[in-house]
Amino acid sequence: MNHKGVNTVKRIAIDMDEVISHFSAKCLELFNDEFNESYTDHHLHGKKLIELDARFEKKVDHYLANELFFLELDVIKDSQEVIKELSACYEIYIVTAAMEFPASLAPKYRWLKKHFSFLNEKNFVFCGDKSIILADYLIDDTPSNLETFQGKGLLFTAPHNVHTTGYTRLNNWKDTADYFLK
């Protein structure tokens, strides 16, 4: 706080899917099991799931409707450690567009409590439109979320956005630590 009682700590808003959780990898795993395919993250380079295989369009909603889907997502390497470090210097918010899949609210909350229990649950933001977020930085894998964000948008590398340009890119959580802590 400064001498006028105004909070001067910078805020970082962090997306959940593809930034701290392996959303697409779980979709690929379920799809591969169901259709006897062998898609990997490499197949997604520069593509969204439905661009990879048209059958995804009908299956993704089905996968996401299962409460276990979000509960079983893997944590992205180094995200927990780096976010814990960042939380010593910044206000951290986890911001997820959960309203696209309302059934995901409770499972996403439980996943965050399990894997990021060191964060204050009051800093978990479940929304539809991230342009409402008031923060200094937004780390997100989806360029359209960065376009409407009022602060500094940082593109977190995910298979679908590898060809996207025009944003400061964070390739992994070690890059993120270097950007904010050095």
N, C-alpha and C. Protein backbone atom coordinates (compact mmCIF):
# COMPACT_ATOMS: atom_id res chain seq x y z
N MET A 1 0.83 -1.18 0.00
CA MET A 1 0.00 0.00 0.00
C MET A 1 0.88 1.25 0.00
N ASN A 2 0.43 2.26 -0.72
CA ASN A 2 1.16 3.52 -0.67
C ASN A 2 0.62 4.37 0.48
N HIS A 3 1.12 5.58 0.61
CA HIS A 3 0.75 6.42 1.75
C HIS A 3 -0.72 6.85 1.72
N LYS A 4 -1.43 6.69 0.59
CA LYS A 4 -2.85 7.04 0.50
C LYS A 4 -3.74 5.81 0.68
N GLY A 5 -3.15 4.68 1.03
CA GLY A 5 -3.93 3.47 1.24
C GLY A 5 -4.32 2.76 -0.04
N VAL A 6 -3.72 3.15 -1.17
CA VAL A 6 -4.02 2.51 -2.45
C VAL A 6 -3.05 1.35 -2.66
N ASN A 7 -3.59 0.24 -3.10
CA ASN A 7 -2.76 -0.94 -3.34
C ASN A 7 -1.85 -0.69 -4.55
N THR A 8 -0.55 -0.81 -4.35
CA THR A 8 0.40 -0.59 -5.44
C THR A 8 1.03 -1.88 -5.95
N VAL A 9 0.63 -3.00 -5.38
CA VAL A 9 1.12 -4.29 -5.85
C VAL A 9 0.48 -4.58 -7.20
N LYS A 10 1.29 -4.95 -8.15
CA LYS A 10 0.77 -5.26 -9.49
C LYS A 10 0.01 -6.58 -9.46
N ARG A 11 -1.00 -6.66 -10.34
CA ARG A 11 -1.85 -7.85 -10.43
C ARG A 11 -1.55 -8.62 -11.71
N ILE A 12 -1.46 -9.94 -11.55
CA ILE A 12 -1.31 -10.83 -12.71
C ILE A 12 -2.52 -11.75 -12.74
N ALA A 13 -3.26 -11.70 -13.85
CA ALA A 13 -4.37 -12.62 -14.08
C ALA A 13 -3.83 -13.75 -14.95
N ILE A 14 -4.11 -14.98 -14.55
CA ILE A 14 -3.57 -16.15 -15.23
C ILE A 14 -4.73 -17.06 -15.66
N ASP A 15 -4.77 -17.36 -16.94
CA ASP A 15 -5.77 -18.29 -17.47
C ASP A 15 -5.51 -19.69 -16.91
N MET A 16 -6.53 -20.52 -16.94
CA MET A 16 -6.38 -21.89 -16.44
C MET A 16 -6.04 -22.88 -17.55
N ASP A 17 -6.97 -23.05 -18.51
CA ASP A 17 -6.81 -24.08 -19.54
C ASP A 17 -5.68 -23.73 -20.51
N GLU A 18 -4.75 -24.65 -20.65
CA GLU A 18 -3.56 -24.54 -21.51
C GLU A 18 -2.48 -23.61 -20.95
N VAL A 19 -2.72 -23.05 -19.77
CA VAL A 19 -1.71 -22.20 -19.14
C VAL A 19 -1.22 -22.85 -17.84
N ILE A 20 -2.16 -23.33 -17.03
CA ILE A 20 -1.75 -24.08 -15.83
C ILE A 20 -2.28 -25.51 -15.84
N SER A 21 -3.21 -25.80 -16.77
CA SER A 21 -3.73 -27.17 -16.88
C SER A 21 -3.69 -27.63 -18.34
N HIS A 22 -3.43 -28.92 -18.51
CA HIS A 22 -3.32 -29.52 -19.85
C HIS A 22 -4.70 -29.92 -20.39
N PHE A 23 -5.45 -28.94 -20.83
CA PHE A 23 -6.80 -29.13 -21.35
C PHE A 23 -6.80 -29.95 -22.64
N SER A 24 -6.05 -29.52 -23.64
CA SER A 24 -6.06 -30.22 -24.94
C SER A 24 -5.51 -31.63 -24.84
N ALA A 25 -4.51 -31.83 -24.01
CA ALA A 25 -3.94 -33.17 -23.85
C ALA A 25 -5.00 -34.15 -23.34
N LYS A 26 -5.83 -33.69 -22.41
CA LYS A 26 -6.90 -34.55 -21.89
C LYS A 26 -7.93 -34.84 -22.98
N CYS A 27 -8.28 -33.82 -23.77
CA CYS A 27 -9.21 -34.03 -24.89
C CYS A 27 -8.64 -35.05 -25.87
N LEU A 28 -7.37 -34.90 -26.21
CA LEU A 28 -6.73 -35.85 -27.13
C LEU A 28 -6.74 -37.26 -26.57
N GLU A 29 -6.45 -37.39 -25.29
CA GLU A 29 -6.43 -38.71 -24.66
C GLU A 29 -7.81 -39.38 -24.77
N LEU A 30 -8.85 -38.66 -24.44
CA LEU A 30 -10.20 -39.22 -24.50
C LEU A 30 -10.60 -39.55 -25.93
N PHE A 31 -10.28 -38.65 -26.85
CA PHE A 31 -10.63 -38.84 -28.26
C PHE A 31 -9.88 -40.05 -28.83
N ASN A 32 -8.58 -40.12 -28.55
CA ASN A 32 -7.77 -41.24 -29.03
C ASN A 32 -8.31 -42.57 -28.52
N ASP A 33 -8.69 -42.62 -27.25
CA ASP A 33 -9.25 -43.85 -26.68
C ASP A 33 -10.56 -44.23 -27.37
N GLU A 34 -11.39 -43.23 -27.61
CA GLU A 34 -12.71 -43.51 -28.18
C GLU A 34 -12.65 -43.90 -29.66
N PHE A 35 -11.77 -43.25 -30.42
CA PHE A 35 -11.74 -43.46 -31.86
C PHE A 35 -10.50 -44.23 -32.34
N ASN A 36 -9.73 -44.76 -31.42
CA ASN A 36 -8.53 -45.51 -31.75
C ASN A 36 -7.59 -44.70 -32.65
N GLU A 37 -7.39 -43.45 -32.28
CA GLU A 37 -6.47 -42.56 -32.98
C GLU A 37 -5.20 -42.43 -32.16
N SER A 38 -4.23 -41.72 -32.70
CA SER A 38 -2.97 -41.52 -31.98
C SER A 38 -2.51 -40.07 -32.10
N TYR A 39 -3.44 -39.14 -31.98
CA TYR A 39 -3.09 -37.72 -32.04
C TYR A 39 -2.26 -37.31 -30.83
N THR A 40 -1.32 -36.41 -31.07
CA THR A 40 -0.49 -35.85 -30.00
C THR A 40 -0.58 -34.33 -30.08
N ASP A 41 0.04 -33.66 -29.11
CA ASP A 41 0.11 -32.19 -29.14
C ASP A 41 0.73 -31.70 -30.45
N HIS A 42 1.66 -32.47 -30.98
CA HIS A 42 2.31 -32.07 -32.23
C HIS A 42 1.30 -31.90 -33.36
N HIS A 43 0.28 -32.74 -33.40
CA HIS A 43 -0.76 -32.64 -34.43
C HIS A 43 -1.56 -31.35 -34.31
N LEU A 44 -1.55 -30.75 -33.12
CA LEU A 44 -2.32 -29.52 -32.89
C LEU A 44 -1.56 -28.25 -33.25
N HIS A 45 -0.30 -28.37 -33.63
CA HIS A 45 0.48 -27.16 -33.91
C HIS A 45 -0.23 -26.29 -34.93
N GLY A 46 -0.64 -25.11 -34.47
CA GLY A 46 -1.32 -24.15 -35.32
C GLY A 46 -2.79 -24.44 -35.55
N LYS A 47 -3.36 -25.42 -34.82
CA LYS A 47 -4.76 -25.81 -35.03
C LYS A 47 -5.49 -25.94 -33.71
N LYS A 48 -6.78 -25.70 -33.77
CA LYS A 48 -7.65 -26.02 -32.64
C LYS A 48 -8.11 -27.46 -32.80
N LEU A 49 -8.65 -28.02 -31.74
CA LEU A 49 -9.08 -29.42 -31.76
C LEU A 49 -10.02 -29.72 -32.92
N ILE A 50 -11.01 -28.86 -33.15
CA ILE A 50 -11.99 -29.16 -34.20
C ILE A 50 -11.40 -28.99 -35.60
N GLU A 51 -10.28 -28.30 -35.70
CA GLU A 51 -9.60 -28.21 -37.00
C GLU A 51 -8.77 -29.45 -37.27
N LEU A 52 -8.39 -30.14 -36.22
CA LEU A 52 -7.60 -31.37 -36.34
C LEU A 52 -8.46 -32.52 -36.88
N ASP A 53 -9.64 -32.64 -36.32
CA ASP A 53 -10.53 -33.74 -36.71
C ASP A 53 -11.97 -33.26 -36.47
N ALA A 54 -12.77 -33.27 -37.52
CA ALA A 54 -14.14 -32.75 -37.44
C ALA A 54 -14.98 -33.46 -36.37
N ARG A 55 -14.62 -34.69 -36.03
CA ARG A 55 -15.38 -35.43 -35.01
C ARG A 55 -15.27 -34.77 -33.63
N PHE A 56 -14.22 -33.96 -33.42
CA PHE A 56 -14.07 -33.28 -32.13
C PHE A 56 -15.25 -32.35 -31.84
N GLU A 57 -15.80 -31.75 -32.88
CA GLU A 57 -16.88 -30.78 -32.68
C GLU A 57 -18.04 -31.39 -31.90
N LYS A 58 -18.35 -32.64 -32.19
CA LYS A 58 -19.46 -33.31 -31.49
C LYS A 58 -19.02 -33.88 -30.14
N LYS A 59 -17.76 -34.17 -29.99
CA LYS A 59 -17.29 -34.86 -28.79
C LYS A 59 -16.86 -33.93 -27.66
N VAL A 60 -16.34 -32.75 -27.97
CA VAL A 60 -15.79 -31.89 -26.93
C VAL A 60 -16.82 -31.56 -25.87
N ASP A 61 -18.02 -31.15 -26.26
CA ASP A 61 -19.05 -30.85 -25.26
C ASP A 61 -19.36 -32.06 -24.39
N HIS A 62 -19.36 -33.22 -25.00
CA HIS A 62 -19.60 -34.46 -24.25
C HIS A 62 -18.49 -34.68 -23.21
N TYR A 63 -17.25 -34.49 -23.61
CA TYR A 63 -16.13 -34.67 -22.68
C TYR A 63 -16.23 -33.68 -21.52
N LEU A 64 -16.52 -32.42 -21.85
CA LEU A 64 -16.55 -31.37 -20.83
C LEU A 64 -17.74 -31.49 -19.89
N ALA A 65 -18.78 -32.16 -20.31
CA ALA A 65 -19.95 -32.35 -19.46
C ALA A 65 -19.67 -33.34 -18.33
N ASN A 66 -18.64 -34.14 -18.48
CA ASN A 66 -18.26 -35.10 -17.45
C ASN A 66 -17.45 -34.37 -16.38
N GLU A 67 -17.95 -34.36 -15.16
CA GLU A 67 -17.29 -33.65 -14.07
C GLU A 67 -15.84 -34.08 -13.87
N LEU A 68 -15.55 -35.34 -14.15
CA LEU A 68 -14.18 -35.83 -13.96
C LEU A 68 -13.19 -35.21 -14.94
N PHE A 69 -13.68 -34.72 -16.07
CA PHE A 69 -12.77 -34.15 -17.07
C PHE A 69 -11.85 -33.11 -16.44
N PHE A 70 -12.41 -32.09 -15.83
CA PHE A 70 -11.59 -31.02 -15.26
C PHE A 70 -10.83 -31.46 -14.02
N LEU A 71 -11.40 -32.37 -13.26
CA LEU A 71 -10.72 -32.83 -12.05
C LEU A 71 -9.46 -33.63 -12.37
N GLU A 72 -9.41 -34.24 -13.56
CA GLU A 72 -8.28 -35.10 -13.92
C GLU A 72 -7.24 -34.41 -14.80
N LEU A 73 -7.37 -33.11 -15.02
CA LEU A 73 -6.38 -32.41 -15.84
C LEU A 73 -5.02 -32.42 -15.16
N ASP A 74 -3.98 -32.63 -15.96
CA ASP A 74 -2.62 -32.54 -15.45
C ASP A 74 -2.22 -31.08 -15.30
N VAL A 75 -1.35 -30.83 -14.34
CA VAL A 75 -0.81 -29.50 -14.10
C VAL A 75 0.35 -29.26 -15.07
N ILE A 76 0.41 -28.08 -15.64
CA ILE A 76 1.51 -27.75 -16.55
C ILE A 76 2.79 -27.57 -15.74
N LYS A 77 3.84 -28.16 -16.27
CA LYS A 77 5.16 -28.20 -15.62
C LYS A 77 5.58 -26.81 -15.13
N ASP A 78 6.04 -26.77 -13.90
CA ASP A 78 6.61 -25.60 -13.23
C ASP A 78 5.59 -24.52 -12.87
N SER A 79 4.32 -24.66 -13.27
CA SER A 79 3.36 -23.60 -12.98
C SER A 79 3.17 -23.39 -11.48
N GLN A 80 3.07 -24.45 -10.72
CA GLN A 80 2.84 -24.29 -9.28
C GLN A 80 4.00 -23.55 -8.61
N GLU A 81 5.20 -23.98 -8.91
CA GLU A 81 6.37 -23.37 -8.27
C GLU A 81 6.52 -21.90 -8.65
N VAL A 82 6.36 -21.60 -9.94
CA VAL A 82 6.55 -20.22 -10.39
C VAL A 82 5.43 -19.32 -9.87
N ILE A 83 4.20 -19.79 -9.91
CA ILE A 83 3.09 -18.97 -9.39
C ILE A 83 3.26 -18.72 -7.89
N LYS A 84 3.76 -19.70 -7.19
CA LYS A 84 4.02 -19.50 -5.75
C LYS A 84 5.08 -18.40 -5.57
N GLU A 85 6.12 -18.44 -6.38
CA GLU A 85 7.15 -17.39 -6.32
C GLU A 85 6.56 -16.03 -6.67
N LEU A 86 5.77 -16.00 -7.73
CA LEU A 86 5.16 -14.73 -8.16
C LEU A 86 4.25 -14.16 -7.09
N SER A 87 3.57 -15.03 -6.35
CA SER A 87 2.61 -14.56 -5.35
C SER A 87 3.27 -13.82 -4.19
N ALA A 88 4.59 -13.95 -4.08
CA ALA A 88 5.31 -13.19 -3.05
C ALA A 88 5.49 -11.73 -3.46
N CYS A 89 5.38 -11.44 -4.76
CA CYS A 89 5.63 -10.09 -5.27
C CYS A 89 4.43 -9.45 -5.96
N TYR A 90 3.48 -10.27 -6.37
CA TYR A 90 2.32 -9.82 -7.14
C TYR A 90 1.04 -10.38 -6.55
N GLU A 91 -0.07 -9.72 -6.84
CA GLU A 91 -1.38 -10.29 -6.56
C GLU A 91 -1.70 -11.22 -7.73
N ILE A 92 -2.01 -12.46 -7.43
CA ILE A 92 -2.27 -13.46 -8.47
C ILE A 92 -3.76 -13.79 -8.50
N TYR A 93 -4.31 -13.77 -9.69
CA TYR A 93 -5.70 -14.17 -9.93
C TYR A 93 -5.70 -15.26 -10.98
N ILE A 94 -6.48 -16.30 -10.75
CA ILE A 94 -6.70 -17.31 -11.77
C ILE A 94 -8.03 -16.97 -12.42
N VAL A 95 -7.99 -16.75 -13.73
CA VAL A 95 -9.16 -16.27 -14.47
C VAL A 95 -9.48 -17.30 -15.55
N THR A 96 -10.68 -17.87 -15.47
CA THR A 96 -11.05 -18.89 -16.44
C THR A 96 -12.44 -18.62 -17.01
N ALA A 97 -12.56 -18.82 -18.30
CA ALA A 97 -13.83 -18.58 -18.99
C ALA A 97 -14.76 -19.78 -18.77
N ALA A 98 -15.11 -20.01 -17.54
CA ALA A 98 -15.91 -21.17 -17.17
C ALA A 98 -17.35 -21.08 -17.65
N MET A 99 -17.83 -19.90 -17.96
CA MET A 99 -19.23 -19.76 -18.37
C MET A 99 -19.50 -20.39 -19.73
N GLU A 100 -18.46 -20.67 -20.50
CA GLU A 100 -18.64 -21.38 -21.76
C GLU A 100 -19.14 -22.80 -21.50
N PHE A 101 -18.76 -23.35 -20.35
CA PHE A 101 -19.16 -24.69 -19.93
C PHE A 101 -19.54 -24.61 -18.45
N PRO A 102 -20.77 -24.16 -18.14
CA PRO A 102 -21.16 -23.96 -16.75
C PRO A 102 -20.97 -25.17 -15.85
N ALA A 103 -21.04 -26.36 -16.41
CA ALA A 103 -20.82 -27.57 -15.60
C ALA A 103 -19.38 -27.65 -15.09
N SER A 104 -18.50 -26.83 -15.64
CA SER A 104 -17.10 -26.87 -15.24
C SER A 104 -16.81 -26.07 -13.98
N LEU A 105 -17.74 -25.24 -13.52
CA LEU A 105 -17.47 -24.35 -12.39
C LEU A 105 -16.97 -25.09 -11.15
N ALA A 106 -17.75 -26.02 -10.66
CA ALA A 106 -17.36 -26.74 -9.43
C ALA A 106 -16.11 -27.59 -9.63
N PRO A 107 -16.00 -28.36 -10.74
CA PRO A 107 -14.76 -29.13 -10.92
C PRO A 107 -13.51 -28.24 -11.05
N LYS A 108 -13.63 -27.12 -11.75
CA LYS A 108 -12.46 -26.23 -11.87
C LYS A 108 -12.08 -25.67 -10.51
N TYR A 109 -13.07 -25.30 -9.73
CA TYR A 109 -12.80 -24.80 -8.38
C TYR A 109 -12.06 -25.86 -7.55
N ARG A 110 -12.57 -27.08 -7.57
CA ARG A 110 -11.93 -28.15 -6.81
C ARG A 110 -10.52 -28.43 -7.31
N TRP A 111 -10.31 -28.39 -8.64
CA TRP A 111 -8.98 -28.60 -9.21
C TRP A 111 -8.02 -27.52 -8.71
N LEU A 112 -8.47 -26.28 -8.74
CA LEU A 112 -7.62 -25.18 -8.26
C LEU A 112 -7.29 -25.32 -6.78
N LYS A 113 -8.28 -25.69 -5.96
CA LYS A 113 -8.03 -25.87 -4.53
C LYS A 113 -7.03 -27.00 -4.28
N LYS A 114 -7.09 -28.03 -5.11
CA LYS A 114 -6.18 -29.17 -4.96
C LYS A 114 -4.76 -28.81 -5.38
N HIS A 115 -4.60 -28.17 -6.54
CA HIS A 115 -3.27 -27.96 -7.10
C HIS A 115 -2.66 -26.58 -6.80
N PHE A 116 -3.48 -25.63 -6.42
CA PHE A 116 -2.99 -24.27 -6.12
C PHE A 116 -3.56 -23.80 -4.79
N SER A 117 -3.49 -24.66 -3.80
CA SER A 117 -4.08 -24.38 -2.49
C SER A 117 -3.42 -23.19 -1.79
N PHE A 118 -2.24 -22.81 -2.23
CA PHE A 118 -1.54 -21.67 -1.63
C PHE A 118 -2.14 -20.33 -2.08
N LEU A 119 -2.99 -20.35 -3.10
CA LEU A 119 -3.64 -19.12 -3.56
C LEU A 119 -4.95 -18.91 -2.81
N ASN A 120 -5.32 -17.66 -2.62
CA ASN A 120 -6.57 -17.31 -1.97
C ASN A 120 -7.72 -17.60 -2.92
N GLU A 121 -8.68 -18.40 -2.49
CA GLU A 121 -9.81 -18.74 -3.36
C GLU A 121 -10.62 -17.52 -3.78
N LYS A 122 -10.50 -16.44 -3.06
CA LYS A 122 -11.18 -15.20 -3.47
C LYS A 122 -10.56 -14.64 -4.75
N ASN A 123 -9.41 -15.15 -5.13
CA ASN A 123 -8.73 -14.72 -6.34
C ASN A 123 -8.96 -15.67 -7.51
N PHE A 124 -9.95 -16.55 -7.40
CA PHE A 124 -10.37 -17.40 -8.51
C PHE A 124 -11.55 -16.70 -9.18
N VAL A 125 -11.41 -16.40 -10.46
CA VAL A 125 -12.44 -15.65 -11.18
C VAL A 125 -13.00 -16.54 -12.29
N PHE A 126 -14.27 -16.85 -12.20
CA PHE A 126 -14.97 -17.65 -13.20
C PHE A 126 -15.85 -16.68 -14.00
N CYS A 127 -15.54 -16.53 -15.26
CA CYS A 127 -16.24 -15.52 -16.06
C CYS A 127 -16.48 -16.04 -17.47
N GLY A 128 -17.03 -15.19 -18.29
CA GLY A 128 -17.23 -15.50 -19.70
C GLY A 128 -16.34 -14.61 -20.56
N ASP A 129 -16.34 -13.33 -20.27
CA ASP A 129 -15.61 -12.34 -21.04
C ASP A 129 -14.48 -11.78 -20.18
N LYS A 130 -13.26 -12.06 -20.55
CA LYS A 130 -12.11 -11.64 -19.73
C LYS A 130 -11.78 -10.16 -19.85
N SER A 131 -12.47 -9.44 -20.74
CA SER A 131 -12.20 -8.00 -20.85
C SER A 131 -12.61 -7.25 -19.58
N ILE A 132 -13.41 -7.88 -18.73
CA ILE A 132 -13.84 -7.24 -17.48
C ILE A 132 -12.76 -7.27 -16.41
N ILE A 133 -11.72 -8.04 -16.63
CA ILE A 133 -10.68 -8.24 -15.61
C ILE A 133 -9.81 -7.00 -15.50
N LEU A 134 -9.67 -6.51 -14.28
CA LEU A 134 -8.83 -5.36 -14.00
C LEU A 134 -7.54 -5.86 -13.36
N ALA A 135 -6.52 -5.96 -14.19
CA ALA A 135 -5.21 -6.42 -13.73
C ALA A 135 -4.15 -5.73 -14.59
N ASP A 136 -2.92 -5.82 -14.16
CA ASP A 136 -1.82 -5.22 -14.93
C ASP A 136 -1.39 -6.12 -16.07
N TYR A 137 -1.50 -7.44 -15.85
CA TYR A 137 -1.06 -8.43 -16.84
C TYR A 137 -2.11 -9.53 -16.95
N LEU A 138 -2.24 -10.09 -18.15
CA LEU A 138 -3.04 -11.29 -18.37
C LEU A 138 -2.18 -12.28 -19.13
N ILE A 139 -1.98 -13.45 -18.54
CA ILE A 139 -1.27 -14.55 -19.19
C ILE A 139 -2.34 -15.50 -19.72
N ASP A 140 -2.42 -15.64 -21.03
CA ASP A 140 -3.49 -16.43 -21.65
C ASP A 140 -2.98 -17.06 -22.93
N ASP A 141 -3.57 -18.18 -23.31
CA ASP A 141 -3.18 -18.86 -24.56
C ASP A 141 -4.06 -18.45 -25.73
N THR A 142 -5.11 -17.69 -25.48
CA THR A 142 -6.08 -17.35 -26.51
C THR A 142 -5.93 -15.88 -26.90
N PRO A 143 -5.45 -15.61 -28.12
CA PRO A 143 -5.22 -14.23 -28.53
C PRO A 143 -6.45 -13.32 -28.40
N SER A 144 -7.65 -13.83 -28.65
CA SER A 144 -8.84 -12.97 -28.57
C SER A 144 -9.05 -12.44 -27.15
N ASN A 145 -8.62 -13.18 -26.14
CA ASN A 145 -8.71 -12.67 -24.76
C ASN A 145 -7.72 -11.54 -24.53
N LEU A 146 -6.57 -11.62 -25.17
CA LEU A 146 -5.57 -10.57 -25.02
C LEU A 146 -5.96 -9.30 -25.77
N GLU A 147 -6.68 -9.46 -26.88
CA GLU A 147 -7.10 -8.31 -27.70
C GLU A 147 -8.00 -7.35 -26.92
N THR A 148 -8.85 -7.87 -26.05
CA THR A 148 -9.81 -7.03 -25.34
C THR A 148 -9.34 -6.66 -23.93
N PHE A 149 -8.21 -7.19 -23.51
CA PHE A 149 -7.69 -6.92 -22.17
C PHE A 149 -7.07 -5.53 -22.13
N GLN A 150 -7.33 -4.78 -21.07
CA GLN A 150 -6.86 -3.40 -20.96
C GLN A 150 -5.40 -3.28 -20.48
N GLY A 151 -4.87 -4.30 -19.83
CA GLY A 151 -3.49 -4.26 -19.36
C GLY A 151 -2.55 -4.84 -20.40
N LYS A 152 -1.42 -5.38 -19.95
CA LYS A 152 -0.43 -6.00 -20.83
C LYS A 152 -0.78 -7.47 -21.01
N GLY A 153 -1.09 -7.84 -22.23
CA GLY A 153 -1.42 -9.23 -22.54
C GLY A 153 -0.18 -10.01 -22.91
N LEU A 154 -0.03 -11.18 -22.31
CA LEU A 154 1.12 -12.05 -22.56
C LEU A 154 0.60 -13.38 -23.07
N LEU A 155 1.06 -13.78 -24.25
CA LEU A 155 0.59 -15.02 -24.88
C LEU A 155 1.40 -16.20 -24.37
N PHE A 156 0.71 -17.13 -23.69
CA PHE A 156 1.35 -18.33 -23.20
C PHE A 156 1.31 -19.37 -24.33
N THR A 157 2.44 -19.91 -24.68
CA THR A 157 2.53 -20.83 -25.80
C THR A 157 1.74 -22.11 -25.53
N ALA A 158 0.88 -22.42 -26.49
CA ALA A 158 0.11 -23.66 -26.51
C ALA A 158 0.13 -24.15 -27.95
N PRO A 159 -0.09 -25.43 -28.17
CA PRO A 159 0.01 -25.95 -29.54
C PRO A 159 -0.79 -25.16 -30.57
N HIS A 160 -1.99 -24.74 -30.22
CA HIS A 160 -2.85 -24.06 -31.19
C HIS A 160 -2.38 -22.66 -31.57
N ASN A 161 -1.52 -22.04 -30.74
CA ASN A 161 -1.14 -20.65 -31.02
C ASN A 161 0.33 -20.48 -31.44
N VAL A 162 0.99 -21.56 -31.82
CA VAL A 162 2.43 -21.48 -32.13
C VAL A 162 2.74 -20.55 -33.30
N HIS A 163 1.78 -20.31 -34.17
CA HIS A 163 2.03 -19.43 -35.32
C HIS A 163 1.52 -18.00 -35.10
N THR A 164 0.94 -17.75 -33.95
CA THR A 164 0.40 -16.43 -33.65
C THR A 164 1.54 -15.46 -33.34
N THR A 165 1.45 -14.28 -33.91
CA THR A 165 2.45 -13.24 -33.66
C THR A 165 1.74 -11.99 -33.13
N GLY A 166 2.52 -11.01 -32.74
CA GLY A 166 1.98 -9.74 -32.31
C GLY A 166 1.83 -9.58 -30.81
N TYR A 167 2.27 -10.56 -30.05
CA TYR A 167 2.16 -10.51 -28.58
C TYR A 167 3.50 -10.89 -27.97
N THR A 168 3.75 -10.38 -26.77
CA THR A 168 4.88 -10.88 -26.00
C THR A 168 4.54 -12.32 -25.63
N ARG A 169 5.45 -13.22 -25.95
CA ARG A 169 5.18 -14.66 -25.79
C ARG A 169 5.96 -15.21 -24.59
N LEU A 170 5.26 -16.01 -23.80
CA LEU A 170 5.88 -16.77 -22.72
C LEU A 170 5.78 -18.24 -23.12
N ASN A 171 6.91 -18.88 -23.38
CA ASN A 171 6.91 -20.25 -23.90
C ASN A 171 6.64 -21.31 -22.85
N ASN A 172 6.93 -20.99 -21.60
CA ASN A 172 6.75 -21.95 -20.51
C ASN A 172 6.82 -21.18 -19.20
N TRP A 173 6.75 -21.90 -18.09
CA TRP A 173 6.75 -21.21 -16.80
C TRP A 173 8.13 -20.70 -16.39
N LYS A 174 9.19 -21.29 -16.92
CA LYS A 174 10.53 -20.74 -16.66
C LYS A 174 10.66 -19.37 -17.34
N ASP A 175 10.15 -19.24 -18.57
CA ASP A 175 10.11 -17.94 -19.26
C ASP A 175 9.30 -16.93 -18.45
N THR A 176 8.21 -17.40 -17.88
CA THR A 176 7.33 -16.53 -17.10
C THR A 176 8.07 -16.03 -15.86
N ALA A 177 8.79 -16.92 -15.20
CA ALA A 177 9.58 -16.49 -14.04
C ALA A 177 10.62 -15.46 -14.44
N ASP A 178 11.30 -15.69 -15.57
CA ASP A 178 12.30 -14.73 -16.04
C ASP A 178 11.67 -13.38 -16.35
N TYR A 179 10.50 -13.38 -16.97
CA TYR A 179 9.82 -12.14 -17.35
C TYR A 179 9.46 -11.30 -16.11
N PHE A 180 8.95 -11.94 -15.07
CA PHE A 180 8.44 -11.20 -13.93
C PHE A 180 9.41 -11.06 -12.76
N LEU A 181 10.39 -11.95 -12.66
CA LEU A 181 11.22 -11.97 -11.46
C LEU A 181 12.65 -11.54 -11.66
N LYS A 182 13.06 -11.29 -12.92
CA LYS A 182 14.46 -10.89 -13.15
C LYS A 182 14.56 -9.46 -13.54
